[in-house]
Every structure is written in C-alpha cells, then in structure tokens.
C-alpha cells in the first residue's frame, strides 16, 4: 500500500477515504489513533490515507480535483479574531473592576 494523502485529523482522513470509496478505490487509514499522543509525538503527518499501488495515480487525480474546488483558507481571520478577543478581554476586565469597586463602596456604606 502507498500513502496517497496526509490528513490533519482522523476526520479529514475518513472524508478523503470516503471520497475514494465512492469511486471504487479501496483503502485504509493509518495513524488515526496516534492523535491521542499529541505532545509526545509530532503534531502533524501521522494520519495517512493508504491505497493499493495500482490505484495510486487515480486516487491522486481524485484528491487533486477535490482540493482544487475547496475554498481558500483565510489566514487573516485568525489575526482579526485574536485582536477581537483581546479587546473583549480588556472590556470584561474593566467592567469587572468597576463592578467590584461599586460593590465594595456599597458594603462600606
């Protein structure tokens, strides 16, 4: 058997395997249970979709066609989200401090 796709997770691997099985290409997933070892193992590259060597070229064509129709991943989304999370944190911190000040003044009076 030959590795035709390296998935980021077991879910991605099963999705690709299902895509191949719809086209009558049999295969298997290797390494999906190693995800529990993250921290002790490398973080990526251990979940692989394996197919028979005679099906490799056809499987690569199917996967390439599938990858071509996927929408691009927005890299700036993570940066925007992080900035928004920071602003939300500081707003909550200030609101919490004001609430504690108000409660302390109430209890002192």
PDB file of N, CA and C in Angstrom:
ATOM      1  N   UNK A   1       0.844  -1.173   0.000  1.00  0.00           N
ATOM      2  CA  UNK A   1       0.000   0.000   0.000  1.00  0.00           C
ATOM      3  C   UNK A   1       0.888   1.235   0.000  1.00  0.00           C
ATOM      4  N   UNK A   2       0.329   2.314  -0.529  1.00  0.00           N
ATOM      5  CA  UNK A   2       1.077   3.544  -0.699  1.00  0.00           C
ATOM      6  C   UNK A   2       0.270   4.710  -0.134  1.00  0.00           C
ATOM      7  N   UNK A   3       0.960   5.645   0.528  1.00  0.00           N
ATOM      8  CA  UNK A   3       0.306   6.814   1.110  1.00  0.00           C
ATOM      9  C   UNK A   3      -0.089   7.781   0.003  1.00  0.00           C
ATOM     10  N   UNK A   4      -1.385   8.113  -0.053  1.00  0.00           N
ATOM     11  CA  UNK A   4      -1.879   8.997  -1.095  1.00  0.00           C
ATOM     12  C   UNK A   4      -2.253  10.374  -0.545  1.00  0.00           C
ATOM     13  N   UNK A   5      -2.439  10.482   0.786  1.00  0.00           N
ATOM     14  CA  UNK A   5      -2.869  11.751   1.379  1.00  0.00           C
ATOM     15  C   UNK A   5      -2.487  11.765   2.846  1.00  0.00           C
ATOM     16  N   UNK A   6      -1.923  12.895   3.305  1.00  0.00           N
ATOM     17  CA  UNK A   6      -1.646  13.093   4.721  1.00  0.00           C
ATOM     18  C   UNK A   6      -2.690  14.052   5.268  1.00  0.00           C
ATOM     19  N   UNK A   7      -3.512  13.549   6.167  1.00  0.00           N
ATOM     20  CA  UNK A   7      -4.626  14.330   6.707  1.00  0.00           C
ATOM     21  C   UNK A   7      -4.217  15.026   7.996  1.00  0.00           C
ATOM     22  N   UNK A   8      -4.893  16.127   8.302  1.00  0.00           N
ATOM     23  CA  UNK A   8      -4.616  16.849   9.539  1.00  0.00           C
ATOM     24  C   UNK A   8      -5.304  16.211  10.739  1.00  0.00           C
ATOM     25  N   UNK A   9      -6.317  15.369  10.487  1.00  0.00           N
ATOM     26  CA  UNK A   9      -7.018  14.685  11.577  1.00  0.00           C
ATOM     27  C   UNK A   9      -7.644  13.404  11.031  1.00  0.00           C
ATOM     28  N   UNK A  10      -8.108  12.570  11.934  1.00  0.00           N
ATOM     29  CA  UNK A  10      -8.783  11.348  11.519  1.00  0.00           C
ATOM     30  C   UNK A  10     -10.043  11.643  10.736  1.00  0.00           C
ATOM     31  N   UNK A  11     -10.727  12.714  11.089  1.00  0.00           N
ATOM     32  CA  UNK A  11     -11.948  13.102  10.388  1.00  0.00           C
ATOM     33  C   UNK A  11     -11.650  13.435   8.927  1.00  0.00           C
ATOM     34  N   UNK A  12     -10.594  14.220   8.689  1.00  0.00           N
ATOM     35  CA  UNK A  12     -10.203  14.537   7.316  1.00  0.00           C
ATOM     36  C   UNK A  12      -9.819  13.275   6.548  1.00  0.00           C
ATOM     37  N   UNK A  13      -9.103  12.394   7.212  1.00  0.00           N
ATOM     38  CA  UNK A  13      -8.693  11.148   6.577  1.00  0.00           C
ATOM     39  C   UNK A  13      -9.883  10.309   6.153  1.00  0.00           C
ATOM     40  N   UNK A  14     -10.882  10.193   7.025  1.00  0.00           N
ATOM     41  CA  UNK A  14     -12.075   9.419   6.688  1.00  0.00           C
ATOM     42  C   UNK A  14     -12.873  10.078   5.572  1.00  0.00           C
ATOM     43  N   UNK A  15     -12.882  11.400   5.547  1.00  0.00           N
ATOM     44  CA  UNK A  15     -13.583  12.101   4.481  1.00  0.00           C
ATOM     45  C   UNK A  15     -12.940  11.791   3.122  1.00  0.00           C
ATOM     46  N   UNK A  16     -11.615  11.823   3.058  1.00  0.00           N
ATOM     47  CA  UNK A  16     -10.908  11.518   1.816  1.00  0.00           C
ATOM     48  C   UNK A  16     -11.095  10.054   1.444  1.00  0.00           C
ATOM     49  N   UNK A  17     -11.013   9.165   2.425  1.00  0.00           N
ATOM     50  CA  UNK A  17     -11.208   7.740   2.147  1.00  0.00           C
ATOM     51  C   UNK A  17     -12.612   7.485   1.605  1.00  0.00           C
ATOM     52  N   UNK A  18     -13.611   8.158   2.172  1.00  0.00           N
ATOM     53  CA  UNK A  18     -14.984   8.015   1.688  1.00  0.00           C
ATOM     54  C   UNK A  18     -15.103   8.516   0.249  1.00  0.00           C
ATOM     55  N   UNK A  19     -14.438   9.631  -0.057  1.00  0.00           N
ATOM     56  CA  UNK A  19     -14.429  10.163  -1.416  1.00  0.00           C
ATOM     57  C   UNK A  19     -13.849   9.141  -2.388  1.00  0.00           C
ATOM     58  N   UNK A  20     -12.769   8.498  -1.992  1.00  0.00           N
ATOM     59  CA  UNK A  20     -12.148   7.490  -2.852  1.00  0.00           C
ATOM     60  C   UNK A  20     -13.024   6.244  -2.988  1.00  0.00           C
ATOM     61  N   UNK A  21     -13.650   5.829  -1.893  1.00  0.00           N
ATOM     62  CA  UNK A  21     -14.510   4.645  -1.942  1.00  0.00           C
ATOM     63  C   UNK A  21     -15.736   4.872  -2.819  1.00  0.00           C
ATOM     64  N   UNK A  22     -16.190   6.120  -2.938  1.00  0.00           N
ATOM     65  CA  UNK A  22     -17.301   6.422  -3.849  1.00  0.00           C
ATOM     66  C   UNK A  22     -16.898   6.179  -5.297  1.00  0.00           C
ATOM     67  N   UNK A  23     -15.613   6.218  -5.578  1.00  0.00           N
ATOM     68  CA  UNK A  23     -15.077   5.972  -6.922  1.00  0.00           C
ATOM     69  C   UNK A  23     -14.496   4.564  -7.026  1.00  0.00           C
ATOM     70  N   UNK A  24     -14.877   3.675  -6.107  1.00  0.00           N
ATOM     71  CA  UNK A  24     -14.481   2.251  -6.096  1.00  0.00           C
ATOM     72  C   UNK A  24     -12.987   2.039  -5.876  1.00  0.00           C
ATOM     73  N   UNK A  25     -12.360   2.914  -5.101  1.00  0.00           N
ATOM     74  CA  UNK A  25     -10.958   2.728  -4.725  1.00  0.00           C
ATOM     75  C   UNK A  25     -10.928   2.366  -3.254  1.00  0.00           C
ATOM     76  N   UNK A  26     -10.460   1.171  -2.962  1.00  0.00           N
ATOM     77  CA  UNK A  26     -10.378   0.699  -1.577  1.00  0.00           C
ATOM     78  C   UNK A  26      -9.097   1.222  -0.939  1.00  0.00           C
ATOM     79  N   UNK A  27      -9.177   1.498   0.338  1.00  0.00           N
ATOM     80  CA  UNK A  27      -8.011   1.985   1.061  1.00  0.00           C
ATOM     81  C   UNK A  27      -8.211   1.836   2.551  1.00  0.00           C
ATOM     82  N   UNK A  28      -7.286   2.415   3.297  1.00  0.00           N
ATOM     83  CA  UNK A  28      -7.401   2.395   4.759  1.00  0.00           C
ATOM     84  C   UNK A  28      -6.702   3.617   5.336  1.00  0.00           C
ATOM     85  N   UNK A  29      -7.000   3.872   6.600  1.00  0.00           N
ATOM     86  CA  UNK A  29      -6.405   4.997   7.327  1.00  0.00           C
ATOM     87  C   UNK A  29      -5.344   4.419   8.262  1.00  0.00           C
ATOM     88  N   UNK A  30      -4.193   5.041   8.278  1.00  0.00           N
ATOM     89  CA  UNK A  30      -3.155   4.646   9.230  1.00  0.00           C
ATOM     90  C   UNK A  30      -2.822   5.825  10.128  1.00  0.00           C
ATOM     91  N   UNK A  31      -2.657   5.559  11.405  1.00  0.00           N
ATOM     92  CA  UNK A  31      -2.191   6.572  12.342  1.00  0.00           C
ATOM     93  C   UNK A  31      -3.264   7.417  12.988  1.00  0.00           C
ATOM     94  N   UNK A  32      -4.550   7.114  12.737  1.00  0.00           N
ATOM     95  CA  UNK A  32      -5.584   7.980  13.309  1.00  0.00           C
ATOM     96  C   UNK A  32      -5.655   7.889  14.823  1.00  0.00           C
ATOM     97  N   UNK A  33      -5.239   6.774  15.383  1.00  0.00           N
ATOM     98  CA  UNK A  33      -5.304   6.637  16.835  1.00  0.00           C
ATOM     99  C   UNK A  33      -4.078   7.220  17.534  1.00  0.00           C
ATOM    100  N   UNK A  34      -3.115   7.712  16.755  1.00  0.00           N
ATOM    101  CA  UNK A  34      -1.942   8.352  17.339  1.00  0.00           C
ATOM    102  C   UNK A  34      -2.225   9.782  17.756  1.00  0.00           C
ATOM    103  N   UNK A  35      -3.395  10.320  17.401  1.00  0.00           N
ATOM    104  CA  UNK A  35      -3.739  11.691  17.761  1.00  0.00           C
ATOM    105  C   UNK A  35      -3.756  11.888  19.263  1.00  0.00           C
ATOM    106  N   UNK A  36      -4.016  10.850  20.018  1.00  0.00           N
ATOM    107  CA  UNK A  36      -4.017  10.955  21.471  1.00  0.00           C
ATOM    108  C   UNK A  36      -2.642  11.218  22.045  1.00  0.00           C
ATOM    109  N   UNK A  37      -1.599  11.014  21.241  1.00  0.00           N
ATOM    110  CA  UNK A  37      -0.239  11.219  21.705  1.00  0.00           C
ATOM    111  C   UNK A  37       0.325  12.584  21.387  1.00  0.00           C
ATOM    112  N   UNK A  38      -0.524  13.513  20.926  1.00  0.00           N
ATOM    113  CA  UNK A  38      -0.015  14.849  20.605  1.00  0.00           C
ATOM    114  C   UNK A  38       0.589  15.454  21.867  1.00  0.00           C
ATOM    115  N   UNK A  39       1.739  16.008  21.721  1.00  0.00           N
ATOM    116  CA  UNK A  39       2.511  16.497  22.858  1.00  0.00           C
ATOM    117  C   UNK A  39       3.741  15.641  23.032  1.00  0.00           C
ATOM    118  N   UNK A  40       3.592  14.343  22.750  1.00  0.00           N
ATOM    119  CA  UNK A  40       4.724  13.440  22.790  1.00  0.00           C
ATOM    120  C   UNK A  40       5.169  13.079  21.379  1.00  0.00           C
ATOM    121  N   UNK A  41       4.270  13.234  20.412  1.00  0.00           N
ATOM    122  CA  UNK A  41       4.569  12.942  19.014  1.00  0.00           C
ATOM    123  C   UNK A  41       4.561  14.246  18.228  1.00  0.00           C
ATOM    124  N   UNK A  42       5.071  14.179  16.993  1.00  0.00           N
ATOM    125  CA  UNK A  42       4.973  15.362  16.140  1.00  0.00           C
ATOM    126  C   UNK A  42       3.508  15.698  15.922  1.00  0.00           C
ATOM    127  N   UNK A  43       3.197  16.946  15.690  1.00  0.00           N
ATOM    128  CA  UNK A  43       1.812  17.399  15.651  1.00  0.00           C
ATOM    129  C   UNK A  43       1.087  17.038  14.371  1.00  0.00           C
ATOM    130  N   UNK A  44       1.806  16.810  13.275  1.00  0.00           N
ATOM    131  CA  UNK A  44       1.121  16.557  12.010  1.00  0.00           C
ATOM    132  C   UNK A  44       1.826  15.447  11.242  1.00  0.00           C
ATOM    133  N   UNK A  45       1.125  14.925  10.253  1.00  0.00           N
ATOM    134  CA  UNK A  45       1.727  13.975   9.338  1.00  0.00           C
ATOM    135  C   UNK A  45       1.633  12.526   9.746  1.00  0.00           C
ATOM    136  N   UNK A  46       0.850  12.214  10.769  1.00  0.00           N
ATOM    137  CA  UNK A  46       0.773  10.819  11.158  1.00  0.00           C
ATOM    138  C   UNK A  46      -0.534  10.147  10.762  1.00  0.00           C
ATOM    139  N   UNK A  47      -1.519  10.900  10.280  1.00  0.00           N
ATOM    140  CA  UNK A  47      -2.767  10.323   9.775  1.00  0.00           C
ATOM    141  C   UNK A  47      -2.651  10.289   8.253  1.00  0.00           C
ATOM    142  N   UNK A  48      -2.574   9.079   7.714  1.00  0.00           N
ATOM    143  CA  UNK A  48      -2.385   8.925   6.277  1.00  0.00           C
ATOM    144  C   UNK A  48      -3.471   8.043   5.684  1.00  0.00           C
ATOM    145  N   UNK A  49      -3.867   8.380   4.454  1.00  0.00           N
ATOM    146  CA  UNK A  49      -4.795   7.549   3.695  1.00  0.00           C
ATOM    147  C   UNK A  49      -3.941   6.691   2.774  1.00  0.00           C
ATOM    148  N   UNK A  50      -4.116   5.387   2.873  1.00  0.00           N
ATOM    149  CA  UNK A  50      -3.316   4.444   2.102  1.00  0.00           C
ATOM    150  C   UNK A  50      -4.201   3.758   1.056  1.00  0.00           C
ATOM    151  N   UNK A  51      -3.654   3.572  -0.160  1.00  0.00           N
ATOM    152  CA  UNK A  51      -4.349   2.845  -1.223  1.00  0.00           C
ATOM    153  C   UNK A  51      -3.365   1.861  -1.852  1.00  0.00           C
ATOM    154  N   UNK A  52      -3.899   0.921  -2.608  1.00  0.00           N
ATOM    155  CA  UNK A  52      -3.046  -0.021  -3.334  1.00  0.00           C
ATOM    156  C   UNK A  52      -2.237   0.734  -4.377  1.00  0.00           C
ATOM    157  N   UNK A  53      -1.053   0.235  -4.684  1.00  0.00           N
ATOM    158  CA  UNK A  53      -0.166   0.936  -5.617  1.00  0.00           C
ATOM    159  C   UNK A  53      -0.791   1.115  -6.993  1.00  0.00           C
ATOM    160  N   UNK A  54      -1.576   0.147  -7.462  1.00  0.00           N
ATOM    161  CA  UNK A  54      -2.190   0.267  -8.788  1.00  0.00           C
ATOM    162  C   UNK A  54      -3.300   1.323  -8.821  1.00  0.00           C
ATOM    163  N   UNK A  55      -3.836   1.704  -7.661  1.00  0.00           N
ATOM    164  CA  UNK A  55      -4.876   2.732  -7.589  1.00  0.00           C
ATOM    165  C   UNK A  55      -4.310   4.118  -7.258  1.00  0.00           C
ATOM    166  N   UNK A  56      -3.011   4.211  -7.024  1.00  0.00           N
ATOM    167  CA  UNK A  56      -2.409   5.451  -6.544  1.00  0.00           C
ATOM    168  C   UNK A  56      -2.640   6.627  -7.487  1.00  0.00           C
ATOM    169  N   UNK A  57      -2.348   6.459  -8.781  1.00  0.00           N
ATOM    170  CA  UNK A  57      -2.472   7.575  -9.728  1.00  0.00           C
ATOM    171  C   UNK A  57      -3.908   8.076  -9.829  1.00  0.00           C
ATOM    172  N   UNK A  58      -4.864   7.151  -9.894  1.00  0.00           N
ATOM    173  CA  UNK A  58      -6.271   7.556  -9.982  1.00  0.00           C
ATOM    174  C   UNK A  58      -6.703   8.253  -8.685  1.00  0.00           C
ATOM    175  N   UNK A  59      -6.248   7.749  -7.551  1.00  0.00           N
ATOM    176  CA  UNK A  59      -6.590   8.362  -6.266  1.00  0.00           C
ATOM    177  C   UNK A  59      -6.011   9.775  -6.170  1.00  0.00           C
ATOM    178  N   UNK A  60      -4.775   9.974  -6.616  1.00  0.00           N
ATOM    179  CA  UNK A  60      -4.173  11.314  -6.595  1.00  0.00           C
ATOM    180  C   UNK A  60      -4.955  12.280  -7.481  1.00  0.00           C
ATOM    181  N   UNK A  61      -5.438  11.808  -8.637  1.00  0.00           N
ATOM    182  CA  UNK A  61      -6.238  12.663  -9.519  1.00  0.00           C
ATOM    183  C   UNK A  61      -7.537  13.081  -8.832  1.00  0.00           C
ATOM    184  N   UNK A  62      -8.191  12.151  -8.172  1.00  0.00           N
ATOM    185  CA  UNK A  62      -9.447  12.441  -7.479  1.00  0.00           C
ATOM    186  C   UNK A  62      -9.206  13.450  -6.352  1.00  0.00           C
ATOM    187  N   UNK A  63      -8.144  13.229  -5.581  1.00  0.00           N
ATOM    188  CA  UNK A  63      -7.841  14.126  -4.468  1.00  0.00           C
ATOM    189  C   UNK A  63      -7.441  15.507  -4.986  1.00  0.00           C
ATOM    190  N   UNK A  64      -6.663  15.564  -6.055  1.00  0.00           N
ATOM    191  CA  UNK A  64      -6.273  16.857  -6.634  1.00  0.00           C
ATOM    192  C   UNK A  64      -7.483  17.634  -7.129  1.00  0.00           C
ATOM    193  N   UNK A  65      -8.429  16.936  -7.758  1.00  0.00           N
ATOM    194  CA  UNK A  65      -9.652  17.597  -8.223  1.00  0.00           C
ATOM    195  C   UNK A  65     -10.461  18.110  -7.036  1.00  0.00           C
ATOM    196  N   UNK A  66     -10.516  17.333  -5.971  1.00  0.00           N
ATOM    197  CA  UNK A  66     -11.243  17.744  -4.768  1.00  0.00           C
ATOM    198  C   UNK A  66     -10.577  18.968  -4.131  1.00  0.00           C
ATOM    199  N   UNK A  67      -9.238  18.963  -4.034  1.00  0.00           N
ATOM    200  CA  UNK A  67      -8.521  20.091  -3.440  1.00  0.00           C
ATOM    201  C   UNK A  67      -8.693  21.365  -4.269  1.00  0.00           C
ATOM    202  N   UNK A  68      -8.821  21.214  -5.594  1.00  0.00           N
ATOM    203  CA  UNK A  68      -8.951  22.381  -6.473  1.00  0.00           C
ATOM    204  C   UNK A  68     -10.267  23.117  -6.261  1.00  0.00           C
ATOM    205  N   UNK A  69     -11.306  22.431  -5.814  1.00  0.00           N
ATOM    206  CA  UNK A  69     -12.607  23.090  -5.642  1.00  0.00           C
ATOM    207  C   UNK A  69     -12.847  23.563  -4.213  1.00  0.00           C
ATOM    208  N   UNK A  70     -11.860  23.361  -3.320  1.00  0.00           N
ATOM    209  CA  UNK A  70     -12.019  23.810  -1.940  1.00  0.00           C
ATOM    210  C   UNK A  70     -11.762  25.306  -1.842  1.00  0.00           C
ATOM    211  N   UNK A  71     -12.539  26.020  -1.032  1.00  0.00           N
ATOM    212  CA  UNK A  71     -12.306  27.463  -0.876  1.00  0.00           C
ATOM    213  C   UNK A  71     -10.983  27.702  -0.155  1.00  0.00           C
ATOM    214  N   UNK A  72     -10.319  28.817  -0.461  1.00  0.00           N
ATOM    215  CA  UNK A  72      -9.048  29.108   0.211  1.00  0.00           C
ATOM    216  C   UNK A  72      -9.277  29.411   1.692  1.00  0.00           C
ATOM    217  N   UNK A  73      -8.301  29.069   2.492  1.00  0.00           N
ATOM    218  CA  UNK A  73      -8.371  29.324   3.927  1.00  0.00           C
ATOM    219  C   UNK A  73      -7.936  30.761   4.171  1.00  0.00           C
ATOM    220  N   UNK A  74      -8.773  31.507   4.871  1.00  0.00           N
ATOM    221  CA  UNK A  74      -8.463  32.916   5.165  1.00  0.00           C
ATOM    222  C   UNK A  74      -7.493  32.973   6.332  1.00  0.00           C
ATOM    223  N   UNK A  75      -6.270  33.396   6.069  1.00  0.00           N
ATOM    224  CA  UNK A  75      -5.258  33.477   7.120  1.00  0.00           C
ATOM    225  C   UNK A  75      -5.479  34.679   8.024  1.00  0.00           C
ATOM    226  N   UNK A  76      -6.086  35.738   7.484  1.00  0.00           N
ATOM    227  CA  UNK A  76      -6.279  36.950   8.284  1.00  0.00           C
ATOM    228  C   UNK A  76      -7.393  36.778   9.315  1.00  0.00           C
ATOM    229  N   UNK A  77      -8.217  35.755   9.189  1.00  0.00           N
ATOM    230  CA  UNK A  77      -9.303  35.527  10.144  1.00  0.00           C
ATOM    231  C   UNK A  77      -8.747  35.307  11.542  1.00  0.00           C
ATOM    232  N   UNK A  78      -7.670  34.546  11.662  1.00  0.00           N
ATOM    233  CA  UNK A  78      -7.079  34.278  12.971  1.00  0.00           C
ATOM    234  C   UNK A  78      -6.543  35.557  13.598  1.00  0.00           C
ATOM    235  N   UNK A  79      -5.911  36.417  12.803  1.00  0.00           N
ATOM    236  CA  UNK A  79      -5.379  37.668  13.343  1.00  0.00           C
ATOM    237  C   UNK A  79      -6.506  38.570  13.825  1.00  0.00           C
ATOM    238  N   UNK A  80      -7.581  38.683  13.065  1.00  0.00           N
ATOM    239  CA  UNK A  80      -8.719  39.515  13.442  1.00  0.00           C
ATOM    240  C   UNK A  80      -9.377  38.967  14.697  1.00  0.00           C
ATOM    241  N   UNK A  81      -9.505  37.652  14.752  1.00  0.00           N
ATOM    242  CA  UNK A  81     -10.137  37.035  15.906  1.00  0.00           C
ATOM    243  C   UNK A  81      -9.305  37.280  17.157  1.00  0.00           C
ATOM    244  N   UNK A  82      -7.998  37.173  17.060  1.00  0.00           N
ATOM    245  CA  UNK A  82      -7.133  37.389  18.211  1.00  0.00           C
ATOM    246  C   UNK A  82      -7.247  38.829  18.704  1.00  0.00           C
ATOM    247  N   UNK A  83      -7.269  39.791  17.789  1.00  0.00           N
ATOM    248  CA  UNK A  83      -7.401  41.195  18.182  1.00  0.00           C
ATOM    249  C   UNK A  83      -8.751  41.429  18.843  1.00  0.00           C
ATOM    250  N   UNK A  84      -9.807  40.849  18.309  1.00  0.00           N
ATOM    251  CA  UNK A  84     -11.134  40.984  18.894  1.00  0.00           C
ATOM    252  C   UNK A  84     -11.220  40.333  20.261  1.00  0.00           C
ATOM    253  N   UNK A  85     -10.564  39.188  20.427  1.00  0.00           N
ATOM    254  CA  UNK A  85     -10.548  38.514  21.722  1.00  0.00           C
ATOM    255  C   UNK A  85      -9.837  39.356  22.769  1.00  0.00           C
ATOM    256  N   UNK A  86      -8.754  40.010  22.389  1.00  0.00           N
ATOM    257  CA  UNK A  86      -8.014  40.851  23.325  1.00  0.00           C
ATOM    258  C   UNK A  86      -8.855  42.036  23.763  1.00  0.00           C
ATOM    259  N   UNK A  87      -9.532  42.663  22.825  1.00  0.00           N
ATOM    260  CA  UNK A  87     -10.389  43.803  23.163  1.00  0.00           C
ATOM    261  C   UNK A  87     -11.520  43.365  24.084  1.00  0.00           C
ATOM    262  N   UNK A  88     -12.102  42.212  23.807  1.00  0.00           N
ATOM    263  CA  UNK A  88     -13.179  41.696  24.642  1.00  0.00           C
ATOM    264  C   UNK A  88     -12.683  41.387  26.049  1.00  0.00           C
ATOM    265  N   UNK A  89     -11.475  40.843  26.159  1.00  0.00           N
ATOM    266  CA  UNK A  89     -10.900  40.549  27.462  1.00  0.00           C
ATOM    267  C   UNK A  89     -10.739  41.825  28.290  1.00  0.00           C
ATOM    268  N   UNK A  90     -10.152  42.855  27.687  1.00  0.00           N
ATOM    269  CA  UNK A  90      -9.929  44.106  28.429  1.00  0.00           C
ATOM    270  C   UNK A  90     -11.245  44.789  28.783  1.00  0.00           C
ATOM    271  N   UNK A  91     -12.236  44.735  27.910  1.00  0.00           N
ATOM    272  CA  UNK A  91     -13.549  45.309  28.229  1.00  0.00           C
ATOM    273  C   UNK A  91     -14.162  44.586  29.421  1.00  0.00           C
ATOM    274  N   UNK A  92     -14.057  43.261  29.442  1.00  0.00           N
ATOM    275  CA  UNK A  92     -14.568  42.481  30.577  1.00  0.00           C
ATOM    276  C   UNK A  92     -13.809  42.767  31.854  1.00  0.00           C
ATOM    277  N   UNK A  93     -12.500  42.937  31.736  1.00  0.00           N
ATOM    278  CA  UNK A  93     -11.677  43.240  32.909  1.00  0.00           C
ATOM    279  C   UNK A  93     -12.074  44.578  33.518  1.00  0.00           C
ATOM    280  N   UNK A  94     -12.223  45.590  32.682  1.00  0.00           N
ATOM    281  CA  UNK A  94     -12.604  46.925  33.167  1.00  0.00           C
ATOM    282  C   UNK A  94     -14.001  46.899  33.770  1.00  0.00           C
ATOM    283  N   UNK A  95     -14.927  46.225  33.119  1.00  0.00           N
ATOM    284  CA  UNK A  95     -16.287  46.110  33.645  1.00  0.00           C
ATOM    285  C   UNK A  95     -16.289  45.385  34.988  1.00  0.00           C
ATOM    286  N   UNK A  96     -15.516  44.320  35.108  1.00  0.00           N
ATOM    287  CA  UNK A  96     -15.418  43.576  36.366  1.00  0.00           C
ATOM    288  C   UNK A  96     -14.822  44.421  37.473  1.00  0.00           C
ATOM    289  N   UNK A  97     -13.776  45.200  37.141  1.00  0.00           N
ATOM    290  CA  UNK A  97     -13.147  46.063  38.145  1.00  0.00           C
ATOM    291  C   UNK A  97     -14.112  47.142  38.613  1.00  0.00           C
ATOM    292  N   UNK A  98     -14.872  47.718  37.689  1.00  0.00           N
ATOM    293  CA  UNK A  98     -15.850  48.748  38.055  1.00  0.00           C
ATOM    294  C   UNK A  98     -16.949  48.154  38.932  1.00  0.00           C
ATOM    295  N   UNK A  99     -17.400  46.966  38.604  1.00  0.00           N
ATOM    296  CA  UNK A  99     -18.436  46.301  39.396  1.00  0.00           C
ATOM    297  C   UNK A  99     -17.921  45.995  40.805  1.00  0.00           C
ATOM    298  N   UNK A 100     -16.695  45.505  40.918  1.00  0.00           N
ATOM    299  CA  UNK A 100     -16.122  45.218  42.237  1.00  0.00           C
ATOM    300  C   UNK A 100     -15.969  46.505  43.056  1.00  0.00           C
ATOM    301  N   UNK A 101     -15.536  47.602  42.422  1.00  0.00           N
ATOM    302  CA  UNK A 101     -15.401  48.892  43.113  1.00  0.00           C
ATOM    303  C   UNK A 101     -16.774  49.336  43.633  1.00  0.00           C
ATOM    304  N   UNK A 102     -17.803  49.219  42.802  1.00  0.00           N
ATOM    305  CA  UNK A 102     -19.138  49.619  43.201  1.00  0.00           C
ATOM    306  C   UNK A 102     -19.636  48.761  44.370  1.00  0.00           C
ATOM    307  N   UNK A 103     -19.422  47.428  44.310  1.00  0.00           N
ATOM    308  CA  UNK A 103     -19.839  46.552  45.400  1.00  0.00           C
ATOM    309  C   UNK A 103     -19.083  46.843  46.698  1.00  0.00           C
ATOM    310  N   UNK A 104     -17.799  47.144  46.594  1.00  0.00           N
ATOM    311  CA  UNK A 104     -17.019  47.479  47.785  1.00  0.00           C
ATOM    312  C   UNK A 104     -17.521  48.776  48.429  1.00  0.00           C
ATOM    313  N   UNK A 105     -17.875  49.754  47.605  1.00  0.00           N
ATOM    314  CA  UNK A 105     -18.409  51.018  48.123  1.00  0.00           C
ATOM    315  C   UNK A 105     -19.747  50.784  48.791  1.00  0.00           C
ATOM    316  N   UNK A 106     -20.596  49.903  48.219  1.00  0.00           N
ATOM    317  CA  UNK A 106     -21.892  49.600  48.809  1.00  0.00           C
ATOM    318  C   UNK A 106     -21.746  48.925  50.173  1.00  0.00           C
ATOM    319  N   UNK A 107     -20.808  47.975  50.255  1.00  0.00           N
ATOM    320  CA  UNK A 107     -20.650  47.254  51.509  1.00  0.00           C
ATOM    321  C   UNK A 107     -20.003  48.122  52.606  1.00  0.00           C
ATOM    322  N   UNK A 108     -19.216  49.107  52.220  1.00  0.00           N
ATOM    323  CA  UNK A 108     -18.580  50.011  53.184  1.00  0.00           C
ATOM    324  C   UNK A 108     -19.589  51.030  53.727  1.00  0.00           C
ATOM    325  N   UNK A 109     -20.642  51.325  52.951  1.00  0.00           N
ATOM    326  CA  UNK A 109     -21.589  52.343  53.376  1.00  0.00           C
ATOM    327  C   UNK A 109     -22.645  51.822  54.289  1.00  0.00           C
TER     328      UNK A 109
END
